[in-house]
């Protein structure tokens, strides 16, 4: 099984147009176009009954005290945690694709309640829901894709793992306001095959 994109090559930078936050010389960061990237997949096994698409950043600081704080840096060797940017379930099996911007265009303050996506699919809450909780301007339920916005003072280059997973089951057993963690639990023992595409991103001008 293979997962590719015309928006970026494997292990290359994700374009700013696909990011939640983009560099700003005065403020370090401003909101971006937040377009979901183009994705294509092929070689899906015949036994697959549905597909799941996830996007996870495993490079998020495990301690948030210094995130985006003037006069501080987040050291490269700080322990890291995962941050879910996208969870899409019940994609039909077989070769397919998503156009750039098909599932997200722009940053929606308070989150997208009903993000666009292929007919019959469902999308998870991403981790901006927790990260922005309590923010009077941005807090809310963030469903679907919301792209990269790593801390602008982080010494580490962030990696975004887009993973397509072929399943033995026709429908992922999640419901309501489900999360990527809920998806991961529901598909245990149901995986037929996986394909991965990795993009990188940073808001730190000193990180290449």
C-alpha atoms as a PDB file:
ATOM      1  CA  UNK A   1       0.000   0.000   0.000  1.00  0.00           C
ATOM      2  CA  UNK A   2       1.322   3.465  -0.881  1.00  0.00           C
ATOM      3  CA  UNK A   3       0.458   6.991   0.312  1.00  0.00           C
ATOM      4  CA  UNK A   4       1.724  10.034  -1.626  1.00  0.00           C
ATOM      5  CA  UNK A   5       1.049  13.755  -1.929  1.00  0.00           C
ATOM      6  CA  UNK A   6       1.504  16.450  -4.546  1.00  0.00           C
ATOM      7  CA  UNK A   7       1.542  19.014  -1.704  1.00  0.00           C
ATOM      8  CA  UNK A   8       4.886  17.734  -0.344  1.00  0.00           C
ATOM      9  CA  UNK A   9       7.330  14.863  -0.786  1.00  0.00           C
ATOM     10  CA  UNK A  10       8.032  12.278   1.896  1.00  0.00           C
ATOM     11  CA  UNK A  11      10.330  13.718   4.600  1.00  0.00           C
ATOM     12  CA  UNK A  12      10.175  17.190   3.020  1.00  0.00           C
ATOM     13  CA  UNK A  13       8.641  20.358   4.501  1.00  0.00           C
ATOM     14  CA  UNK A  14       4.883  20.779   4.515  1.00  0.00           C
ATOM     15  CA  UNK A  15       4.037  24.004   2.612  1.00  0.00           C
ATOM     16  CA  UNK A  16       2.910  26.995   4.631  1.00  0.00           C
ATOM     17  CA  UNK A  17      -0.455  26.987   2.847  1.00  0.00           C
ATOM     18  CA  UNK A  18      -1.216  23.663   4.600  1.00  0.00           C
ATOM     19  CA  UNK A  19      -0.313  24.978   8.067  1.00  0.00           C
ATOM     20  CA  UNK A  20      -2.438  26.330  10.917  1.00  0.00           C
ATOM     21  CA  UNK A  21       0.334  28.792  11.844  1.00  0.00           C
ATOM     22  CA  UNK A  22       2.861  30.483   9.563  1.00  0.00           C
ATOM     23  CA  UNK A  23       5.920  32.626  10.371  1.00  0.00           C
ATOM     24  CA  UNK A  24       5.422  36.304  11.152  1.00  0.00           C
ATOM     25  CA  UNK A  25       8.452  38.548  11.621  1.00  0.00           C
ATOM     26  CA  UNK A  26       6.800  40.779  14.213  1.00  0.00           C
ATOM     27  CA  UNK A  27       4.617  38.314  16.151  1.00  0.00           C
ATOM     28  CA  UNK A  28       6.513  35.053  15.433  1.00  0.00           C
ATOM     29  CA  UNK A  29       3.286  33.433  14.172  1.00  0.00           C
ATOM     30  CA  UNK A  30       0.069  34.269  12.380  1.00  0.00           C
ATOM     31  CA  UNK A  31      -2.769  32.052  11.224  1.00  0.00           C
ATOM     32  CA  UNK A  32      -2.301  30.336   7.872  1.00  0.00           C
ATOM     33  CA  UNK A  33      -4.513  29.053   5.055  1.00  0.00           C
ATOM     34  CA  UNK A  34      -4.754  25.691   6.835  1.00  0.00           C
ATOM     35  CA  UNK A  35      -5.465  23.716   3.659  1.00  0.00           C
ATOM     36  CA  UNK A  36      -5.633  19.960   4.094  1.00  0.00           C
ATOM     37  CA  UNK A  37      -2.885  18.474   1.880  1.00  0.00           C
ATOM     38  CA  UNK A  38      -3.466  16.544  -1.320  1.00  0.00           C
ATOM     39  CA  UNK A  39      -3.214  12.809  -0.689  1.00  0.00           C
ATOM     40  CA  UNK A  40      -3.389   9.774  -2.980  1.00  0.00           C
ATOM     41  CA  UNK A  41      -3.304   6.103  -2.086  1.00  0.00           C
ATOM     42  CA  UNK A  42      -2.963   2.877  -4.041  1.00  0.00           C
ATOM     43  CA  UNK A  43      -2.319  -0.823  -3.561  1.00  0.00           C
ATOM     44  CA  UNK A  44      -5.042  -1.288  -0.954  1.00  0.00           C
ATOM     45  CA  UNK A  45      -5.329  -5.026  -0.148  1.00  0.00           C
ATOM     46  CA  UNK A  46      -8.410  -6.823  -1.464  1.00  0.00           C
ATOM     47  CA  UNK A  47      -9.385  -7.926   2.042  1.00  0.00           C
ATOM     48  CA  UNK A  48      -9.672  -4.329   3.306  1.00  0.00           C
ATOM     49  CA  UNK A  49     -13.234  -3.227   4.075  1.00  0.00           C
ATOM     50  CA  UNK A  50     -12.536   0.402   5.027  1.00  0.00           C
ATOM     51  CA  UNK A  51      -9.688   2.873   5.483  1.00  0.00           C
ATOM     52  CA  UNK A  52      -8.653   5.233   8.260  1.00  0.00           C
ATOM     53  CA  UNK A  53      -6.427   8.288   7.827  1.00  0.00           C
ATOM     54  CA  UNK A  54      -4.506   9.773  10.756  1.00  0.00           C
ATOM     55  CA  UNK A  55      -2.069  12.688  11.116  1.00  0.00           C
ATOM     56  CA  UNK A  56       0.031  12.802  14.285  1.00  0.00           C
ATOM     57  CA  UNK A  57       2.984  14.957  15.364  1.00  0.00           C
ATOM     58  CA  UNK A  58       5.140  12.986  17.861  1.00  0.00           C
ATOM     59  CA  UNK A  59       7.474  15.933  18.542  1.00  0.00           C
ATOM     60  CA  UNK A  60       5.272  18.098  20.779  1.00  0.00           C
ATOM     61  CA  UNK A  61       6.898  19.265  24.050  1.00  0.00           C
ATOM     62  CA  UNK A  62       5.733  17.153  26.980  1.00  0.00           C
ATOM     63  CA  UNK A  63       6.036  20.221  29.241  1.00  0.00           C
ATOM     64  CA  UNK A  64       4.267  23.333  27.969  1.00  0.00           C
ATOM     65  CA  UNK A  65       5.624  25.924  30.432  1.00  0.00           C
ATOM     66  CA  UNK A  66       8.014  27.540  27.917  1.00  0.00           C
ATOM     67  CA  UNK A  67       5.893  27.155  24.781  1.00  0.00           C
ATOM     68  CA  UNK A  68       5.950  30.393  22.755  1.00  0.00           C
ATOM     69  CA  UNK A  69       7.505  32.366  25.611  1.00  0.00           C
ATOM     70  CA  UNK A  70       9.841  35.270  24.840  1.00  0.00           C
ATOM     71  CA  UNK A  71      13.416  34.836  26.056  1.00  0.00           C
ATOM     72  CA  UNK A  72      13.176  31.055  26.353  1.00  0.00           C
ATOM     73  CA  UNK A  73      13.844  28.044  24.153  1.00  0.00           C
ATOM     74  CA  UNK A  74      12.431  24.548  24.170  1.00  0.00           C
ATOM     75  CA  UNK A  75      15.501  22.296  24.086  1.00  0.00           C
ATOM     76  CA  UNK A  76      15.766  19.573  21.482  1.00  0.00           C
ATOM     77  CA  UNK A  77      16.213  16.875  24.125  1.00  0.00           C
ATOM     78  CA  UNK A  78      13.063  17.733  26.118  1.00  0.00           C
ATOM     79  CA  UNK A  79      10.824  14.623  26.308  1.00  0.00           C
ATOM     80  CA  UNK A  80       8.108  14.706  23.675  1.00  0.00           C
ATOM     81  CA  UNK A  81       4.448  13.710  23.353  1.00  0.00           C
ATOM     82  CA  UNK A  82       1.999  13.096  20.504  1.00  0.00           C
ATOM     83  CA  UNK A  83      -0.411  15.694  19.115  1.00  0.00           C
ATOM     84  CA  UNK A  84      -3.226  14.547  16.825  1.00  0.00           C
ATOM     85  CA  UNK A  85      -3.953  16.812  13.862  1.00  0.00           C
ATOM     86  CA  UNK A  86      -6.474  14.674  11.969  1.00  0.00           C
ATOM     87  CA  UNK A  87      -8.532  11.529  12.185  1.00  0.00           C
ATOM     88  CA  UNK A  88     -10.750  10.430   9.271  1.00  0.00           C
ATOM     89  CA  UNK A  89     -12.641   7.119   9.386  1.00  0.00           C
ATOM     90  CA  UNK A  90     -14.843   5.023   7.087  1.00  0.00           C
ATOM     91  CA  UNK A  91     -13.053   5.844   3.852  1.00  0.00           C
ATOM     92  CA  UNK A  92     -14.063   3.262   1.222  1.00  0.00           C
ATOM     93  CA  UNK A  93     -11.433   0.624   0.405  1.00  0.00           C
ATOM     94  CA  UNK A  94      -9.557   0.822  -2.869  1.00  0.00           C
ATOM     95  CA  UNK A  95      -7.397   3.397  -4.589  1.00  0.00           C
ATOM     96  CA  UNK A  96      -8.412   6.987  -3.914  1.00  0.00           C
ATOM     97  CA  UNK A  97      -7.372  10.571  -3.321  1.00  0.00           C
ATOM     98  CA  UNK A  98      -8.227  13.829  -1.596  1.00  0.00           C
ATOM     99  CA  UNK A  99      -7.663  17.164  -3.321  1.00  0.00           C
ATOM    100  CA  UNK A 100      -5.723  19.878  -1.515  1.00  0.00           C
ATOM    101  CA  UNK A 101      -8.179  21.836   0.605  1.00  0.00           C
ATOM    102  CA  UNK A 102     -10.894  19.170   0.316  1.00  0.00           C
ATOM    103  CA  UNK A 103     -11.212  18.772   4.095  1.00  0.00           C
ATOM    104  CA  UNK A 104     -10.049  22.152   5.426  1.00  0.00           C
ATOM    105  CA  UNK A 105      -9.752  25.719   4.167  1.00  0.00           C
ATOM    106  CA  UNK A 106      -8.687  28.333   6.680  1.00  0.00           C
ATOM    107  CA  UNK A 107      -8.620  28.391  10.468  1.00  0.00           C
ATOM    108  CA  UNK A 108     -12.073  28.436  12.037  1.00  0.00           C
ATOM    109  CA  UNK A 109     -12.129  30.211  15.421  1.00  0.00           C
ATOM    110  CA  UNK A 110     -13.714  27.757  17.831  1.00  0.00           C
ATOM    111  CA  UNK A 111     -13.130  24.842  15.463  1.00  0.00           C
ATOM    112  CA  UNK A 112     -14.958  23.294  12.526  1.00  0.00           C
ATOM    113  CA  UNK A 113     -18.172  21.654  13.789  1.00  0.00           C
ATOM    114  CA  UNK A 114     -18.874  19.817  10.532  1.00  0.00           C
ATOM    115  CA  UNK A 115     -15.714  19.759   8.407  1.00  0.00           C
ATOM    116  CA  UNK A 116     -15.983  18.807   4.739  1.00  0.00           C
ATOM    117  CA  UNK A 117     -14.906  15.332   3.699  1.00  0.00           C
ATOM    118  CA  UNK A 118     -15.795  12.400   1.449  1.00  0.00           C
ATOM    119  CA  UNK A 119     -19.391  11.189   1.653  1.00  0.00           C
ATOM    120  CA  UNK A 120     -19.911   8.610   4.368  1.00  0.00           C
ATOM    121  CA  UNK A 121     -16.759   9.483   6.311  1.00  0.00           C
ATOM    122  CA  UNK A 122     -16.533  10.843   9.844  1.00  0.00           C
ATOM    123  CA  UNK A 123     -13.818  12.992  11.420  1.00  0.00           C
ATOM    124  CA  UNK A 124     -12.374  13.019  14.917  1.00  0.00           C
ATOM    125  CA  UNK A 125     -11.715  15.853  17.319  1.00  0.00           C
ATOM    126  CA  UNK A 126      -8.085  16.899  16.969  1.00  0.00           C
ATOM    127  CA  UNK A 127      -5.848  18.009  19.834  1.00  0.00           C
ATOM    128  CA  UNK A 128      -6.337  21.728  19.234  1.00  0.00           C
ATOM    129  CA  UNK A 129      -9.558  21.083  21.170  1.00  0.00           C
ATOM    130  CA  UNK A 130      -7.577  20.572  24.378  1.00  0.00           C
ATOM    131  CA  UNK A 131      -4.715  22.935  23.552  1.00  0.00           C
ATOM    132  CA  UNK A 132      -7.032  25.911  22.975  1.00  0.00           C
ATOM    133  CA  UNK A 133      -9.587  25.068  25.661  1.00  0.00           C
ATOM    134  CA  UNK A 134     -10.265  28.136  27.786  1.00  0.00           C
ATOM    135  CA  UNK A 135      -9.047  30.583  25.133  1.00  0.00           C
ATOM    136  CA  UNK A 136     -11.893  33.130  24.846  1.00  0.00           C
ATOM    137  CA  UNK A 137     -11.289  33.691  21.126  1.00  0.00           C
ATOM    138  CA  UNK A 138     -10.224  30.242  19.933  1.00  0.00           C
ATOM    139  CA  UNK A 139     -11.635  27.655  22.364  1.00  0.00           C
ATOM    140  CA  UNK A 140     -14.057  25.047  21.030  1.00  0.00           C
ATOM    141  CA  UNK A 141     -14.391  21.628  19.415  1.00  0.00           C
ATOM    142  CA  UNK A 142     -11.864  21.220  16.612  1.00  0.00           C
ATOM    143  CA  UNK A 143     -13.038  18.447  14.280  1.00  0.00           C
ATOM    144  CA  UNK A 144     -11.156  17.338  11.178  1.00  0.00           C
ATOM    145  CA  UNK A 145      -7.835  18.603   9.866  1.00  0.00           C
ATOM    146  CA  UNK A 146      -5.950  21.471  11.449  1.00  0.00           C
ATOM    147  CA  UNK A 147      -2.366  21.726  10.288  1.00  0.00           C
ATOM    148  CA  UNK A 148       1.048  22.381  11.822  1.00  0.00           C
ATOM    149  CA  UNK A 149       1.651  25.140  14.351  1.00  0.00           C
ATOM    150  CA  UNK A 150       4.656  24.038  16.451  1.00  0.00           C
ATOM    151  CA  UNK A 151       6.083  26.366  19.107  1.00  0.00           C
ATOM    152  CA  UNK A 152       8.119  29.113  17.471  1.00  0.00           C
ATOM    153  CA  UNK A 153      10.827  28.757  20.157  1.00  0.00           C
ATOM    154  CA  UNK A 154      11.278  24.981  19.729  1.00  0.00           C
ATOM    155  CA  UNK A 155      14.755  23.735  18.789  1.00  0.00           C
ATOM    156  CA  UNK A 156      13.313  20.537  17.311  1.00  0.00           C
ATOM    157  CA  UNK A 157      12.021  20.127  13.765  1.00  0.00           C
ATOM    158  CA  UNK A 158       8.519  18.641  13.977  1.00  0.00           C
ATOM    159  CA  UNK A 159       7.460  15.615  11.931  1.00  0.00           C
ATOM    160  CA  UNK A 160       3.866  15.035  10.820  1.00  0.00           C
ATOM    161  CA  UNK A 161       3.008  11.377  10.209  1.00  0.00           C
ATOM    162  CA  UNK A 162       0.117  10.883   7.792  1.00  0.00           C
ATOM    163  CA  UNK A 163      -0.856   7.223   8.106  1.00  0.00           C
ATOM    164  CA  UNK A 164      -3.391   5.378   5.962  1.00  0.00           C
ATOM    165  CA  UNK A 165      -4.665   2.205   7.622  1.00  0.00           C
ATOM    166  CA  UNK A 166      -6.593  -0.561   5.876  1.00  0.00           C
ATOM    167  CA  UNK A 167      -9.045  -2.348   8.172  1.00  0.00           C
ATOM    168  CA  UNK A 168     -10.886  -5.658   8.325  1.00  0.00           C
ATOM    169  CA  UNK A 169     -14.069  -3.844   9.407  1.00  0.00           C
ATOM    170  CA  UNK A 170     -16.383  -1.777   7.211  1.00  0.00           C
ATOM    171  CA  UNK A 171     -17.041   0.869   9.875  1.00  0.00           C
ATOM    172  CA  UNK A 172     -14.765   2.092  12.650  1.00  0.00           C
ATOM    173  CA  UNK A 173     -16.409   1.494  16.019  1.00  0.00           C
ATOM    174  CA  UNK A 174     -16.339   5.094  17.283  1.00  0.00           C
ATOM    175  CA  UNK A 175     -19.173   7.527  17.799  1.00  0.00           C
ATOM    176  CA  UNK A 176     -20.027  11.029  18.991  1.00  0.00           C
ATOM    177  CA  UNK A 177     -17.128  13.349  19.806  1.00  0.00           C
ATOM    178  CA  UNK A 178     -14.460  10.721  19.250  1.00  0.00           C
ATOM    179  CA  UNK A 179     -10.724  11.363  19.230  1.00  0.00           C
ATOM    180  CA  UNK A 180      -7.731   9.894  17.424  1.00  0.00           C
ATOM    181  CA  UNK A 181      -6.962   7.939  20.595  1.00  0.00           C
ATOM    182  CA  UNK A 182     -10.463   6.461  20.394  1.00  0.00           C
ATOM    183  CA  UNK A 183      -9.762   5.456  16.774  1.00  0.00           C
ATOM    184  CA  UNK A 184      -6.471   3.819  17.715  1.00  0.00           C
ATOM    185  CA  UNK A 185      -8.208   1.757  20.393  1.00  0.00           C
ATOM    186  CA  UNK A 186     -11.081   0.777  18.101  1.00  0.00           C
ATOM    187  CA  UNK A 187      -8.834  -0.564  15.327  1.00  0.00           C
ATOM    188  CA  UNK A 188      -6.644  -2.767  17.510  1.00  0.00           C
ATOM    189  CA  UNK A 189      -6.548  -6.233  15.923  1.00  0.00           C
ATOM    190  CA  UNK A 190      -8.327  -4.963  12.787  1.00  0.00           C
ATOM    191  CA  UNK A 191      -5.366  -3.699  10.730  1.00  0.00           C
ATOM    192  CA  UNK A 192      -4.665  -5.271   7.336  1.00  0.00           C
ATOM    193  CA  UNK A 193      -1.964  -2.874   6.095  1.00  0.00           C
ATOM    194  CA  UNK A 194      -0.536   0.605   6.644  1.00  0.00           C
ATOM    195  CA  UNK A 195       1.164   3.265   4.517  1.00  0.00           C
ATOM    196  CA  UNK A 196       2.880   6.376   5.838  1.00  0.00           C
ATOM    197  CA  UNK A 197       3.905   9.782   4.529  1.00  0.00           C
ATOM    198  CA  UNK A 198       5.945  12.172   6.708  1.00  0.00           C
ATOM    199  CA  UNK A 199       6.161  15.934   6.353  1.00  0.00           C
ATOM    200  CA  UNK A 200       8.204  18.363   8.433  1.00  0.00           C
ATOM    201  CA  UNK A 201       7.491  21.875   9.724  1.00  0.00           C
ATOM    202  CA  UNK A 202       8.949  24.548  11.985  1.00  0.00           C
ATOM    203  CA  UNK A 203       8.192  28.135  12.958  1.00  0.00           C
ATOM    204  CA  UNK A 204      11.673  28.621  14.357  1.00  0.00           C
ATOM    205  CA  UNK A 205      13.853  30.462  11.795  1.00  0.00           C
ATOM    206  CA  UNK A 206      16.973  28.909  13.378  1.00  0.00           C
ATOM    207  CA  UNK A 207      15.799  25.343  12.685  1.00  0.00           C
ATOM    208  CA  UNK A 208      16.405  23.948   9.212  1.00  0.00           C
END
